[in-house]
Amino acid sequence: MTEMKPVIEQMALKHQRWSRLFVATIRLPDGQTVQRDVEDHGQAVAVLPFDPRRRTALLVRQFRAPPFYAAGEPEMLELPAGRLDEDDPSAGARRETLEEIGLRLGTLEPVMMAWTMPALSTERVHLFLAPYHVDDRVAKGGGLADEHENIAVTELPLAELAAIADRGALTELKLFALVQTLRLRRPELFKAC
């Protein structure tokens, strides 16, 4: 006897701009029909660039409308990240890091591919750690002017990032995951200089 699987009967497009919003009509294995909202904008990449000699990380600060709407937060501390336009996630990670913080990456250490919000979004993000040297900073960064990103490049000591995480104040989940991963893999980098 074969176990039945859910079946998507219809995907009704409700909105399309940067992402597409659908209402999915799904027949469940027990025969019931339900509707679920689906936000679709494809895959993404995110990178934690860290300087192992100086024990610092390069991050971004920028305005995000949803946290501002929901909690009044005027900016977020985040990783260089963005939508994946390429077939190769490492190429996308390199492009986003160069655009946002002006850093040319050498080695990329893949960490994982994760669903960011599986109850609503199709987004899967490829997470990377990336060591760099101060000489790898080849441009100002700040994001693309035509996208009005207004990104502020921020360099923080890794020990300070760990302290922020320990206080529960590192609110961007991808950043938290990569900081904790780096702490597990390279704990010596988080000791105060």
N, C-alpha and C. Protein backbone atom coordinates (compact mmCIF):
# COMPACT_ATOMS: atom_id res chain seq x y z
N MET A 1 0.84 -1.18 0.00
CA MET A 1 0.00 0.00 0.00
C MET A 1 0.90 1.25 0.00
N THR A 2 0.67 2.14 -0.93
CA THR A 2 1.45 3.36 -1.06
C THR A 2 0.84 4.48 -0.24
N GLU A 3 1.71 5.18 0.51
CA GLU A 3 1.23 6.31 1.30
C GLU A 3 0.94 7.49 0.38
N MET A 4 -0.22 8.09 0.58
CA MET A 4 -0.59 9.24 -0.24
C MET A 4 0.21 10.46 0.20
N LYS A 5 0.47 11.32 -0.75
CA LYS A 5 1.18 12.57 -0.49
C LYS A 5 0.23 13.74 -0.74
N PRO A 6 0.53 14.88 -0.14
CA PRO A 6 -0.27 16.06 -0.46
C PRO A 6 -0.16 16.38 -1.95
N VAL A 7 -1.19 17.00 -2.50
CA VAL A 7 -1.21 17.38 -3.91
C VAL A 7 -1.58 18.86 -4.00
N ILE A 8 -0.75 19.62 -4.71
CA ILE A 8 -1.09 21.03 -4.95
C ILE A 8 -2.07 21.06 -6.12
N GLU A 9 -3.29 21.48 -5.85
CA GLU A 9 -4.31 21.52 -6.88
C GLU A 9 -4.32 22.83 -7.66
N GLN A 10 -3.92 23.92 -6.99
CA GLN A 10 -3.93 25.23 -7.65
C GLN A 10 -2.95 26.16 -6.95
N MET A 11 -2.30 27.01 -7.75
CA MET A 11 -1.45 28.09 -7.23
C MET A 11 -2.00 29.38 -7.83
N ALA A 12 -2.74 30.14 -7.04
CA ALA A 12 -3.35 31.39 -7.52
C ALA A 12 -2.42 32.56 -7.20
N LEU A 13 -1.89 33.19 -8.24
CA LEU A 13 -0.99 34.34 -8.08
C LEU A 13 -1.81 35.54 -7.60
N LYS A 14 -1.40 36.13 -6.48
CA LYS A 14 -2.11 37.27 -5.90
C LYS A 14 -1.33 38.57 -6.03
N HIS A 15 -0.01 38.48 -6.11
CA HIS A 15 0.84 39.68 -6.18
C HIS A 15 2.18 39.29 -6.79
N GLN A 16 2.74 40.20 -7.60
CA GLN A 16 4.07 39.96 -8.15
C GLN A 16 4.82 41.27 -8.27
N ARG A 17 5.97 41.32 -7.63
CA ARG A 17 6.90 42.44 -7.73
C ARG A 17 8.27 41.86 -7.47
N TRP A 18 8.89 42.17 -6.33
CA TRP A 18 10.19 41.58 -6.01
C TRP A 18 10.04 40.08 -5.76
N SER A 19 8.92 39.70 -5.16
CA SER A 19 8.59 38.30 -4.98
C SER A 19 7.17 38.07 -5.46
N ARG A 20 6.82 36.81 -5.54
CA ARG A 20 5.46 36.46 -5.94
C ARG A 20 4.73 35.89 -4.73
N LEU A 21 3.47 36.29 -4.57
CA LEU A 21 2.65 35.77 -3.48
C LEU A 21 1.51 34.96 -4.08
N PHE A 22 1.39 33.73 -3.62
CA PHE A 22 0.37 32.81 -4.10
C PHE A 22 -0.53 32.37 -2.95
N VAL A 23 -1.73 31.94 -3.30
CA VAL A 23 -2.55 31.15 -2.40
C VAL A 23 -2.60 29.76 -3.03
N ALA A 24 -2.05 28.79 -2.28
CA ALA A 24 -2.01 27.40 -2.77
C ALA A 24 -3.21 26.65 -2.22
N THR A 25 -3.88 25.94 -3.11
CA THR A 25 -4.95 25.03 -2.69
C THR A 25 -4.35 23.63 -2.71
N ILE A 26 -4.38 22.96 -1.56
CA ILE A 26 -3.67 21.69 -1.39
C ILE A 26 -4.65 20.63 -0.88
N ARG A 27 -4.59 19.46 -1.53
CA ARG A 27 -5.36 18.31 -1.05
C ARG A 27 -4.43 17.48 -0.18
N LEU A 28 -4.80 17.32 1.10
CA LEU A 28 -3.99 16.58 2.05
C LEU A 28 -4.22 15.07 1.89
N PRO A 29 -3.33 14.25 2.43
CA PRO A 29 -3.49 12.80 2.30
C PRO A 29 -4.81 12.26 2.85
N ASP A 30 -5.39 12.95 3.83
CA ASP A 30 -6.68 12.48 4.38
C ASP A 30 -7.87 12.92 3.54
N GLY A 31 -7.61 13.61 2.41
CA GLY A 31 -8.68 14.04 1.52
C GLY A 31 -9.16 15.46 1.75
N GLN A 32 -8.80 16.08 2.85
CA GLN A 32 -9.21 17.46 3.12
C GLN A 32 -8.46 18.41 2.20
N THR A 33 -9.11 19.54 1.89
CA THR A 33 -8.49 20.59 1.08
C THR A 33 -8.26 21.81 1.97
N VAL A 34 -7.03 22.36 1.88
CA VAL A 34 -6.67 23.53 2.67
C VAL A 34 -6.03 24.57 1.75
N GLN A 35 -5.99 25.80 2.22
CA GLN A 35 -5.28 26.85 1.49
C GLN A 35 -4.12 27.33 2.34
N ARG A 36 -3.00 27.59 1.67
CA ARG A 36 -1.79 28.09 2.33
C ARG A 36 -1.20 29.23 1.51
N ASP A 37 -0.69 30.26 2.20
CA ASP A 37 0.00 31.35 1.53
C ASP A 37 1.43 30.91 1.22
N VAL A 38 1.90 31.27 0.03
CA VAL A 38 3.27 30.93 -0.39
C VAL A 38 3.92 32.18 -0.97
N GLU A 39 5.05 32.59 -0.37
CA GLU A 39 5.86 33.69 -0.89
C GLU A 39 7.03 33.05 -1.63
N ASP A 40 7.25 33.47 -2.87
CA ASP A 40 8.29 32.84 -3.70
C ASP A 40 9.20 33.90 -4.31
N HIS A 41 10.49 33.82 -4.00
CA HIS A 41 11.46 34.70 -4.66
C HIS A 41 12.78 33.99 -4.93
N GLY A 42 12.81 32.70 -4.79
CA GLY A 42 13.99 31.94 -5.16
C GLY A 42 14.98 31.76 -4.02
N GLN A 43 16.16 31.28 -4.40
CA GLN A 43 17.20 30.99 -3.44
C GLN A 43 18.01 32.24 -3.10
N ALA A 44 18.78 32.14 -2.01
CA ALA A 44 19.58 33.26 -1.54
C ALA A 44 20.93 32.76 -1.04
N VAL A 45 21.81 33.71 -0.79
CA VAL A 45 23.13 33.42 -0.22
C VAL A 45 23.39 34.39 0.93
N ALA A 46 24.21 33.96 1.88
CA ALA A 46 24.64 34.82 2.98
C ALA A 46 26.03 34.37 3.41
N VAL A 47 26.88 35.36 3.75
CA VAL A 47 28.29 35.10 4.05
C VAL A 47 28.70 35.81 5.33
N LEU A 48 29.45 35.10 6.18
CA LEU A 48 30.10 35.76 7.32
C LEU A 48 31.58 35.90 6.98
N PRO A 49 32.00 37.09 6.50
CA PRO A 49 33.42 37.33 6.23
C PRO A 49 34.14 37.67 7.54
N PHE A 50 35.22 36.96 7.82
CA PHE A 50 35.96 37.20 9.06
C PHE A 50 37.46 37.26 8.78
N ASP A 51 38.12 38.15 9.48
CA ASP A 51 39.57 38.30 9.38
C ASP A 51 40.19 37.54 10.55
N PRO A 52 40.81 36.38 10.29
CA PRO A 52 41.34 35.57 11.39
C PRO A 52 42.54 36.22 12.10
N ARG A 53 43.26 37.11 11.42
CA ARG A 53 44.40 37.77 12.07
C ARG A 53 43.95 38.85 13.02
N ARG A 54 43.01 39.68 12.58
CA ARG A 54 42.54 40.78 13.42
C ARG A 54 41.34 40.38 14.27
N ARG A 55 40.78 39.19 14.02
CA ARG A 55 39.62 38.66 14.76
C ARG A 55 38.42 39.60 14.66
N THR A 56 38.11 39.97 13.42
CA THR A 56 36.98 40.86 13.17
C THR A 56 36.08 40.25 12.09
N ALA A 57 34.92 40.82 11.95
CA ALA A 57 33.98 40.44 10.88
C ALA A 57 33.49 41.70 10.20
N LEU A 58 33.25 41.61 8.90
CA LEU A 58 32.64 42.71 8.15
C LEU A 58 31.17 42.40 7.94
N LEU A 59 30.30 43.30 8.38
CA LEU A 59 28.86 43.11 8.31
C LEU A 59 28.22 44.34 7.68
N VAL A 60 26.92 44.30 7.56
CA VAL A 60 26.18 45.44 7.02
C VAL A 60 25.10 45.86 8.01
N ARG A 61 24.78 47.15 7.94
CA ARG A 61 23.62 47.69 8.66
C ARG A 61 22.75 48.35 7.60
N GLN A 62 21.46 48.06 7.67
CA GLN A 62 20.56 48.70 6.71
C GLN A 62 19.12 48.69 7.22
N PHE A 63 18.34 49.57 6.62
CA PHE A 63 16.91 49.65 6.93
C PHE A 63 16.21 48.44 6.32
N ARG A 64 15.30 47.86 7.09
CA ARG A 64 14.44 46.78 6.60
C ARG A 64 13.01 47.11 6.99
N ALA A 65 12.14 47.19 6.01
CA ALA A 65 10.75 47.59 6.27
C ALA A 65 10.01 46.65 7.22
N PRO A 66 10.09 45.31 7.07
CA PRO A 66 9.33 44.45 7.99
C PRO A 66 9.71 44.60 9.47
N PRO A 67 11.01 44.59 9.86
CA PRO A 67 11.32 44.81 11.27
C PRO A 67 10.93 46.21 11.76
N PHE A 68 11.00 47.19 10.86
CA PHE A 68 10.58 48.54 11.23
C PHE A 68 9.08 48.58 11.49
N TYR A 69 8.32 47.95 10.60
CA TYR A 69 6.86 47.89 10.75
C TYR A 69 6.47 47.12 12.01
N ALA A 70 7.09 45.96 12.21
CA ALA A 70 6.68 45.07 13.31
C ALA A 70 7.21 45.49 14.67
N ALA A 71 8.41 46.10 14.71
CA ALA A 71 9.03 46.37 16.01
C ALA A 71 9.67 47.75 16.12
N GLY A 72 9.54 48.57 15.08
CA GLY A 72 10.12 49.89 15.14
C GLY A 72 11.64 49.92 15.03
N GLU A 73 12.26 48.81 14.61
CA GLU A 73 13.72 48.76 14.48
C GLU A 73 14.13 49.49 13.20
N PRO A 74 14.89 50.60 13.33
CA PRO A 74 15.24 51.39 12.15
C PRO A 74 16.32 50.78 11.27
N GLU A 75 17.09 49.83 11.81
CA GLU A 75 18.11 49.16 11.01
C GLU A 75 18.41 47.80 11.60
N MET A 76 18.99 46.95 10.75
CA MET A 76 19.37 45.60 11.16
C MET A 76 20.86 45.42 10.95
N LEU A 77 21.50 44.70 11.87
CA LEU A 77 22.87 44.24 11.68
C LEU A 77 22.76 42.90 10.99
N GLU A 78 23.37 42.79 9.80
CA GLU A 78 23.19 41.59 8.98
C GLU A 78 24.49 41.18 8.32
N LEU A 79 24.41 40.03 7.67
CA LEU A 79 25.48 39.53 6.81
C LEU A 79 25.35 40.13 5.43
N PRO A 80 26.45 40.17 4.66
CA PRO A 80 26.28 40.41 3.23
C PRO A 80 25.44 39.25 2.68
N ALA A 81 24.37 39.56 2.00
CA ALA A 81 23.44 38.52 1.57
C ALA A 81 22.57 39.03 0.44
N GLY A 82 21.93 38.12 -0.25
CA GLY A 82 21.00 38.52 -1.28
C GLY A 82 20.48 37.35 -2.08
N ARG A 83 19.61 37.70 -2.99
CA ARG A 83 18.99 36.70 -3.85
C ARG A 83 20.02 36.10 -4.79
N LEU A 84 19.91 34.81 -5.02
CA LEU A 84 20.83 34.10 -5.89
C LEU A 84 20.36 34.23 -7.34
N ASP A 85 21.15 34.92 -8.15
CA ASP A 85 20.84 35.08 -9.56
C ASP A 85 21.60 34.06 -10.42
N GLU A 86 22.67 33.51 -9.87
CA GLU A 86 23.53 32.57 -10.59
C GLU A 86 23.12 31.12 -10.28
N ASP A 87 23.67 30.19 -11.07
CA ASP A 87 23.45 28.77 -10.78
C ASP A 87 24.32 28.30 -9.61
N ASP A 88 25.47 28.94 -9.45
CA ASP A 88 26.44 28.55 -8.44
C ASP A 88 26.31 29.44 -7.20
N PRO A 89 25.91 28.88 -6.05
CA PRO A 89 25.77 29.70 -4.85
C PRO A 89 27.06 30.42 -4.44
N SER A 90 28.23 29.81 -4.65
CA SER A 90 29.47 30.49 -4.27
C SER A 90 29.69 31.73 -5.14
N ALA A 91 29.32 31.68 -6.42
CA ALA A 91 29.44 32.87 -7.28
C ALA A 91 28.50 33.97 -6.79
N GLY A 92 27.31 33.61 -6.37
CA GLY A 92 26.37 34.59 -5.82
C GLY A 92 26.89 35.20 -4.52
N ALA A 93 27.49 34.37 -3.68
CA ALA A 93 28.04 34.86 -2.42
C ALA A 93 29.17 35.85 -2.69
N ARG A 94 30.01 35.55 -3.66
CA ARG A 94 31.11 36.46 -4.00
C ARG A 94 30.57 37.79 -4.55
N ARG A 95 29.55 37.72 -5.42
CA ARG A 95 28.97 38.94 -6.00
C ARG A 95 28.34 39.81 -4.92
N GLU A 96 27.53 39.22 -4.06
CA GLU A 96 26.85 40.00 -3.02
C GLU A 96 27.86 40.64 -2.06
N THR A 97 28.90 39.91 -1.71
CA THR A 97 29.89 40.43 -0.77
C THR A 97 30.66 41.60 -1.40
N LEU A 98 30.97 41.50 -2.67
CA LEU A 98 31.66 42.59 -3.36
C LEU A 98 30.74 43.82 -3.45
N GLU A 99 29.48 43.62 -3.83
CA GLU A 99 28.53 44.74 -3.95
C GLU A 99 28.28 45.42 -2.62
N GLU A 100 28.07 44.63 -1.58
CA GLU A 100 27.61 45.19 -0.32
C GLU A 100 28.73 45.71 0.58
N ILE A 101 29.88 45.03 0.60
CA ILE A 101 30.95 45.49 1.51
C ILE A 101 32.28 45.71 0.81
N GLY A 102 32.31 45.56 -0.52
CA GLY A 102 33.53 45.84 -1.27
C GLY A 102 34.66 44.86 -1.01
N LEU A 103 34.30 43.64 -0.65
CA LEU A 103 35.29 42.64 -0.29
C LEU A 103 35.36 41.56 -1.36
N ARG A 104 36.57 41.32 -1.87
CA ARG A 104 36.79 40.23 -2.82
C ARG A 104 37.17 38.99 -2.03
N LEU A 105 36.33 37.97 -2.10
CA LEU A 105 36.53 36.76 -1.31
C LEU A 105 37.42 35.76 -2.01
N GLY A 106 38.23 35.08 -1.23
CA GLY A 106 39.02 33.95 -1.72
C GLY A 106 38.28 32.67 -1.38
N THR A 107 38.68 32.05 -0.29
CA THR A 107 38.09 30.79 0.15
C THR A 107 36.69 31.00 0.70
N LEU A 108 35.79 30.13 0.29
CA LEU A 108 34.44 30.09 0.86
C LEU A 108 34.26 28.72 1.51
N GLU A 109 33.79 28.72 2.74
CA GLU A 109 33.53 27.47 3.44
C GLU A 109 32.02 27.28 3.55
N PRO A 110 31.45 26.37 2.72
CA PRO A 110 30.00 26.15 2.81
C PRO A 110 29.62 25.59 4.19
N VAL A 111 28.55 26.12 4.74
CA VAL A 111 28.06 25.66 6.04
C VAL A 111 26.82 24.81 5.87
N MET A 112 25.83 25.33 5.16
CA MET A 112 24.58 24.59 4.96
C MET A 112 23.66 25.35 4.01
N MET A 113 22.61 24.68 3.59
CA MET A 113 21.50 25.29 2.89
C MET A 113 20.32 25.16 3.85
N ALA A 114 19.64 26.27 4.13
CA ALA A 114 18.56 26.25 5.11
C ALA A 114 17.30 26.93 4.56
N TRP A 115 16.16 26.42 4.94
CA TRP A 115 14.89 27.09 4.66
C TRP A 115 14.77 28.23 5.66
N THR A 116 14.52 29.44 5.20
CA THR A 116 14.48 30.58 6.11
C THR A 116 13.15 30.71 6.86
N MET A 117 12.06 30.38 6.22
CA MET A 117 10.75 30.48 6.84
C MET A 117 9.81 29.49 6.15
N PRO A 118 9.97 28.18 6.41
CA PRO A 118 9.27 27.16 5.63
C PRO A 118 7.74 27.19 5.72
N ALA A 119 7.19 27.83 6.71
CA ALA A 119 5.73 27.92 6.81
C ALA A 119 5.14 28.88 5.78
N LEU A 120 5.99 29.75 5.20
CA LEU A 120 5.48 30.75 4.28
C LEU A 120 6.30 30.88 2.99
N SER A 121 7.62 30.77 3.08
CA SER A 121 8.48 31.15 1.96
C SER A 121 9.19 29.96 1.32
N THR A 122 9.41 30.08 0.01
CA THR A 122 10.18 29.07 -0.72
C THR A 122 11.67 29.33 -0.61
N GLU A 123 12.07 30.42 0.05
CA GLU A 123 13.49 30.79 0.09
C GLU A 123 14.33 29.73 0.80
N ARG A 124 15.40 29.33 0.10
CA ARG A 124 16.46 28.51 0.68
C ARG A 124 17.72 29.34 0.59
N VAL A 125 18.43 29.46 1.71
CA VAL A 125 19.63 30.28 1.73
C VAL A 125 20.86 29.40 1.91
N HIS A 126 21.86 29.66 1.10
CA HIS A 126 23.15 28.97 1.18
C HIS A 126 24.04 29.81 2.09
N LEU A 127 24.51 29.22 3.19
CA LEU A 127 25.29 29.94 4.18
C LEU A 127 26.77 29.58 4.05
N PHE A 128 27.63 30.62 4.13
CA PHE A 128 29.07 30.43 3.98
C PHE A 128 29.83 31.19 5.08
N LEU A 129 30.98 30.64 5.45
CA LEU A 129 32.00 31.35 6.20
C LEU A 129 33.09 31.70 5.20
N ALA A 130 33.73 32.87 5.38
CA ALA A 130 34.75 33.29 4.42
C ALA A 130 35.85 34.08 5.12
N PRO A 131 37.03 33.47 5.28
CA PRO A 131 38.15 34.25 5.83
C PRO A 131 38.63 35.27 4.80
N TYR A 132 39.09 36.41 5.31
CA TYR A 132 39.62 37.43 4.41
C TYR A 132 40.80 38.12 5.08
N HIS A 133 41.52 38.87 4.30
CA HIS A 133 42.63 39.70 4.77
C HIS A 133 42.25 41.14 4.46
N VAL A 134 42.76 42.08 5.23
CA VAL A 134 42.42 43.50 5.05
C VAL A 134 42.67 43.96 3.61
N ASP A 135 43.66 43.38 2.92
CA ASP A 135 43.95 43.76 1.53
C ASP A 135 42.87 43.29 0.54
N ASP A 136 41.96 42.42 0.98
CA ASP A 136 40.89 41.93 0.11
C ASP A 136 39.76 42.95 -0.03
N ARG A 137 39.80 44.01 0.75
CA ARG A 137 38.78 45.07 0.64
C ARG A 137 39.19 45.95 -0.54
N VAL A 138 38.50 45.80 -1.66
CA VAL A 138 38.89 46.45 -2.92
C VAL A 138 37.95 47.58 -3.34
N ALA A 139 36.84 47.75 -2.62
CA ALA A 139 35.88 48.79 -2.97
C ALA A 139 35.18 49.26 -1.69
N LYS A 140 34.43 50.34 -1.83
CA LYS A 140 33.72 50.94 -0.69
C LYS A 140 32.56 50.07 -0.22
N GLY A 141 31.87 49.41 -1.15
CA GLY A 141 30.66 48.67 -0.79
C GLY A 141 29.47 49.61 -0.70
N GLY A 142 28.45 49.20 0.00
CA GLY A 142 27.27 50.03 0.17
C GLY A 142 26.06 49.58 -0.62
N GLY A 143 26.24 48.56 -1.46
CA GLY A 143 25.11 48.06 -2.24
C GLY A 143 24.95 48.80 -3.56
N LEU A 144 23.96 48.41 -4.30
CA LEU A 144 23.70 49.00 -5.60
C LEU A 144 22.84 50.26 -5.45
N ALA A 145 23.30 51.35 -6.04
CA ALA A 145 22.58 52.63 -5.93
C ALA A 145 21.16 52.53 -6.48
N ASP A 146 20.98 51.82 -7.59
CA ASP A 146 19.65 51.73 -8.20
C ASP A 146 18.68 50.87 -7.38
N GLU A 147 19.17 50.14 -6.40
CA GLU A 147 18.30 49.37 -5.52
C GLU A 147 18.04 50.08 -4.19
N HIS A 148 18.64 51.27 -4.01
CA HIS A 148 18.42 52.10 -2.81
C HIS A 148 18.65 51.31 -1.52
N GLU A 149 19.73 50.51 -1.51
CA GLU A 149 20.01 49.68 -0.34
C GLU A 149 20.55 50.50 0.84
N ASN A 150 21.33 51.54 0.55
CA ASN A 150 21.88 52.39 1.61
C ASN A 150 22.53 51.57 2.72
N ILE A 151 23.44 50.72 2.33
CA ILE A 151 24.12 49.82 3.25
C ILE A 151 25.30 50.52 3.91
N ALA A 152 25.40 50.41 5.22
CA ALA A 152 26.57 50.88 5.97
C ALA A 152 27.41 49.67 6.32
N VAL A 153 28.66 49.67 5.87
CA VAL A 153 29.58 48.58 6.19
C VAL A 153 30.03 48.75 7.63
N THR A 154 29.99 47.66 8.39
CA THR A 154 30.30 47.69 9.81
C THR A 154 31.31 46.59 10.13
N GLU A 155 32.42 46.98 10.74
CA GLU A 155 33.40 45.99 11.18
C GLU A 155 33.31 45.86 12.70
N LEU A 156 33.19 44.61 13.17
CA LEU A 156 33.08 44.35 14.60
C LEU A 156 34.06 43.27 15.02
N PRO A 157 34.62 43.37 16.22
CA PRO A 157 35.43 42.27 16.74
C PRO A 157 34.56 41.03 16.93
N LEU A 158 35.12 39.87 16.64
CA LEU A 158 34.36 38.63 16.80
C LEU A 158 33.94 38.42 18.26
N ALA A 159 34.79 38.82 19.20
CA ALA A 159 34.43 38.70 20.63
C ALA A 159 33.18 39.53 20.95
N GLU A 160 33.07 40.70 20.32
CA GLU A 160 31.88 41.54 20.53
C GLU A 160 30.64 40.89 19.92
N LEU A 161 30.80 40.29 18.74
CA LEU A 161 29.67 39.57 18.12
C LEU A 161 29.19 38.44 19.03
N ALA A 162 30.14 37.70 19.60
CA ALA A 162 29.78 36.61 20.51
C ALA A 162 29.03 37.15 21.73
N ALA A 163 29.49 38.27 22.27
CA ALA A 163 28.82 38.87 23.43
C ALA A 163 27.40 39.32 23.09
N ILE A 164 27.24 39.89 21.90
CA ILE A 164 25.90 40.31 21.45
C ILE A 164 25.00 39.08 21.33
N ALA A 165 25.54 38.00 20.76
CA ALA A 165 24.77 36.75 20.64
C ALA A 165 24.40 36.22 22.02
N ASP A 166 25.34 36.23 22.95
CA ASP A 166 25.09 35.70 24.29
C ASP A 166 24.04 36.52 25.05
N ARG A 167 23.92 37.80 24.73
CA ARG A 167 22.88 38.66 25.36
C ARG A 167 21.51 38.46 24.72
N GLY A 168 21.46 37.68 23.63
CA GLY A 168 20.20 37.50 22.92
C GLY A 168 19.84 38.68 22.05
N ALA A 169 20.84 39.50 21.70
CA ALA A 169 20.58 40.71 20.94
C ALA A 169 21.00 40.63 19.48
N LEU A 170 21.45 39.47 19.02
CA LEU A 170 21.78 39.28 17.61
C LEU A 170 20.51 38.77 16.95
N THR A 171 19.70 39.68 16.42
CA THR A 171 18.33 39.34 16.04
C THR A 171 18.16 38.81 14.62
N GLU A 172 19.19 38.87 13.80
CA GLU A 172 19.08 38.34 12.44
C GLU A 172 19.56 36.89 12.48
N LEU A 173 18.67 35.95 12.16
CA LEU A 173 18.91 34.52 12.40
C LEU A 173 20.08 33.95 11.60
N LYS A 174 20.26 34.39 10.35
CA LYS A 174 21.38 33.87 9.56
C LYS A 174 22.71 34.29 10.17
N LEU A 175 22.78 35.53 10.63
CA LEU A 175 23.99 36.03 11.29
C LEU A 175 24.24 35.23 12.57
N PHE A 176 23.22 35.02 13.36
CA PHE A 176 23.36 34.24 14.59
C PHE A 176 23.89 32.84 14.27
N ALA A 177 23.31 32.19 13.28
CA ALA A 177 23.72 30.82 12.93
C ALA A 177 25.19 30.77 12.51
N LEU A 178 25.62 31.73 11.70
CA LEU A 178 27.01 31.69 11.23
C LEU A 178 27.99 32.11 12.32
N VAL A 179 27.63 33.03 13.19
CA VAL A 179 28.51 33.38 14.31
C VAL A 179 28.68 32.15 15.21
N GLN A 180 27.60 31.47 15.51
CA GLN A 180 27.69 30.30 16.38
C GLN A 180 28.48 29.17 15.70
N THR A 181 28.31 29.00 14.40
CA THR A 181 29.07 27.99 13.68
C THR A 181 30.56 28.30 13.73
N LEU A 182 30.92 29.55 13.49
CA LEU A 182 32.33 29.93 13.56
C LEU A 182 32.87 29.76 14.98
N ARG A 183 32.07 30.05 15.98
CA ARG A 183 32.50 29.85 17.38
C ARG A 183 32.81 28.38 17.64
N LEU A 184 32.00 27.50 17.08
CA LEU A 184 32.24 26.06 17.28
C LEU A 184 33.48 25.58 16.52
N ARG A 185 33.64 26.08 15.31
CA ARG A 185 34.75 25.62 14.47
C ARG A 185 36.08 26.28 14.80
N ARG A 186 36.05 27.54 15.20
CA ARG A 186 37.28 28.31 15.44
C ARG A 186 37.16 29.12 16.74
N PRO A 187 37.02 28.46 17.89
CA PRO A 187 36.80 29.19 19.14
C PRO A 187 37.92 30.17 19.50
N GLU A 188 39.13 29.90 19.04
CA GLU A 188 40.26 30.78 19.37
C GLU A 188 40.07 32.18 18.80
N LEU A 189 39.27 32.34 17.75
CA LEU A 189 39.05 33.64 17.13
C LEU A 189 38.19 34.58 17.98
N PHE A 190 37.52 34.02 18.98
CA PHE A 190 36.59 34.82 19.78
C PHE A 190 37.18 35.28 21.11
N LYS A 191 38.44 34.99 21.32
CA LYS A 191 39.11 35.48 22.53
C LYS A 191 39.47 36.94 22.31
N ALA A 192 39.28 37.75 23.32
CA ALA A 192 39.62 39.18 23.21
C ALA A 192 41.10 39.33 22.92
N CYS A 193 41.45 40.25 22.03
CA CYS A 193 42.86 40.48 21.66
C CYS A 193 43.60 41.17 22.78
